[in-house]
Amino acid sequence: MLSARRCCASGCTSSLTSLPEAGQPIRLHCFPSNDKVAQHWQQILELATIRKEKLRVCSLHFLSSAYNCPALRHSAGARLRWDALPDLELTMPRLSRYDLKPVVARSDEEADNTYPPQLERWDKDLVAVAMPHLSLSPPSTQSRNQCVAESAITAGHSKTLVQLRKTRQCVSRQRATIKRLQQQICKAKAIKFGSTTMRRMASNSRKLHFIAARGMRWSKDDLTAAIRLHHKSPAAYRMLRKDWQLPLPSESALKRRTCQFFKSPGVCSTTLMLLKQKLATGPEHQRIATLCFDGMSLSPSVRYDQHKDEVIGFDTSSSTENAQRVLKPITEAIVAVLRGVSANWKQAIAYYPVHRTLGQSGFAAAIENCLHASHDIGIRVIALVADQETTQWALLSRMVSPSAPFFRHPVSLKPVYVIVDIPHCLKNLRNALMKNDVAFDGHKLAKWQHVVDFFEADRSRSLRLASQLTDAHIALPLGQKMRVSIAAQVLSHSVASGMQTLVHHQEIEPSALQTAEFLQRVNDLFDMLNSAIVHDKGFKRPIFRESLAAQTNELRKAEAFLQSLRFLPKSGKPEKSTMKFKEAWRLSAASIRELSTALIDEESFDFVCTRSLTQDHVENLFSIIRGRNGFNEKPELAAFVGALRSVAASGLDRPDSAARNCEDDGCTAAVTANLSPATADTSCTSPSDFPTTNIAQQASQPSQPDPILAEATEYVGGFVLKTSRVLECCACKQVLTAAEPSGVHLKNKLFSHAVNGLTQPSAAALQAFSRLEASFLEKN
């Protein structure tokens, strides 16, 4: 009987407890998951039956060339290549550290029969010419011990940091592996047994044989799944229910469930009641939330409701007080959404259909009604988030200012901070830069023409310094002006560092350095006000208790930078010292600074992720609403209300549209129906024992004539080396990396908060990458 602790090859007796003559432990490798490759292994190893989940093959049946890094084949982290094949007749003992020299001295015929044919002699003379700093002679025992002693004394603390970094990487890989395995388990269960919904439908199908047609009682989970399916496509739902005879609730049953929500414009009492039940048993900090207002465009439409005997589709609030009333069609819906600050939940609580705008008085009344309703169910609103719609900003600018960025709660009298959506501010700043020259810090000037010049100089190269920039970023075609990612990719660190590199090589004018500085500072400001990942670094790091003073100081510097902005129109019009979005930037920065300090000092928060203070969750809600029955950019009022009811009744919280305007907010609906292998040993082999390729020969080739392309190749090559894990081998790291970069782009690209820096390829590695790129371009 085959065991998972023994080699399954015919005639092999190796196991986890056995050792070959060389004294190295045996590695047992799993069979490949691909059935065709597994059958090929079965034929090679002469196996009668195959059970992939329990079969193992020992490392004695694989050549060194079958591993990603031959020098790491003895370590616990060794991995086979994707095209590795075992060999039943291979009885080669595992290579020890110093058994490579007698192998090279053997005859060609003997070496071909015993070792992989790719094994070549290490040309010491050629390597000495290409890399004179590399020592090829094996160190003596005395010198090696002396080196170890000195390094232990002088770099003891650095070893601890390296070990800590490797442990974190190992933990990260293990988490990724666990997540991947969980997904595979769920997929396998769904294939074998069917999903939870399918199993429930099959159970309901069996019940229907013994229950009358109108006697079926659907559970809340059944109704939730049915509402979600009906939300995607009512026509497909009817086809599944009638033509395919699937056990699904009738559309009237779904309507009775959804019509309980948002029966009329304004605050929804049903949603508030369920939200109160949801958060009643949780901790106090779960009930701290933000109140967000945002509008969605609707198509004007008018229809007659025979049940209410009225015409629906007109904005009655916009009518005059005269006898002759002028009714206007509804063209927009303002939605109010609550979002937890420390807990990831969100819930729409009110909507207001209006013609174009809610008006200052209507917006003030909506704020007061939502604050009263949320206070009645025990939710404490600490911030009001809105965009820069004209009437909304007119009201908010009268209520608050950057020096006093809050107003008092109408019931509790506690401060409610006002924050303007940061992604909207970023888009407005990009639009202003396209139309004006922006002066900052008194005498410095940023120009959009510098961005255009950089794009034109960079676009023609095969390896680019800012690969994400396209014509859509410069020309802004229809529909792209409102995308946050388009603005963020222009006002980014990559474009700023690329500009500095081109100025160094005299590709663009030196004054572009001021534009690069402006882009870098805007990038850092956006990162500070849009942090989401707890373990991120630099300006993307959330505001922590330990670094509160330093981060609030950076926010004050950002406020001074925003205060210094002046706008010089290209058309020759008078200079503009301020704009609406500039004051919104200042107000948001001041509000987030004071609000974070209050949450950490008074509410005992350990950190604050500033992305929870944006409108991303409302944008994703609108994406779900537009995705009803396909995709509708501007739905009619009836379709909007029906989709909003479906979302509230079923707990839909994840948009699946690729055309959404922002990233996933990571929140769930509050109201619903209910490390990889161990790190490799760095003392693996010495360079003299490592099987070489023709890297040394490639180092003697002529250098890249284009200096900008060489800069890009150095950056991309360092990224490839870092992600391939080949640098875990000390011999590979010594050959493939350099102590200092050969160009300036890596220095410009390096963040100021970076600890270990970017990977810097050696001259030999750069030549190898250049040759690979040339070969790829020739074949394509």
Foldseek 3Di string as FASTA:
>chain_A
DAALQAAPAPPDGDGQPDADPVRFGKDKAFQDPDPVSSVVLCVQRVHPDDDRVGHIHIPQFWALVQWPASLQPRWQQIDGDPPTHGHNPRRAHRDAFPPQVVLQVDDPVVNVVHHPPLFDADDPVLLCVLPVVADQDDDDPVVVVVVVVVCCVPPVVVVVVVVVVQVVQQVVAVVVVVVVVVVVVQVVCCVVPNDPLVVVQVVVVVVPVVADPPGDDDALVLLLVLLVVCQQAVVVSVCCCPVVVTPHDDVVVNCVLLCQFCVDAAFTPVLLVLLLVLCVPPDLLQLEKAKEKDKAFADQDWDADPVVRDIPFWAPVPWDPDPDTDTDGFTMKIWIKIARFVAFAMAIGGIDTDHLDCALVSVVVRVLRVLVSSVVSPHHHAEYEYAPDPRVLVNLVVQAALVGQWAARPPPGDTYGYAYFPLNLLLVVLVLQQFWWKDWPPHATAHVVLLVLLCVVFVVDPQGLLVPDDVCLVVVDPPRSLFSVSSLSSLDLSSLLSSVQCVVVPSDPPSNNSNSVVSHLVNLLSLQLAADDCPDDDSNHFCFPVCLVVSLVVLVVSLNRLQRIKTGGPVRDDIHNDDSSSRSSSSNSSRVSVVQVCCCPPVVDGTGRNNSSHCPQVLQLVLQLQSGNHGDSHHHPVSSSSSSSSCQENFDRGHPDPPGRDDRPPHTYSHHSPGRGRQGDQPRHALSSGRDDCLSVLLPDDDDPDVSVLLSLQQVLQVVVVVVSPVSHVNCVVQFFDPDAPGCSQVSSWDPRDDPGTTGTDSSSSSVSVVVVVVVVVVD
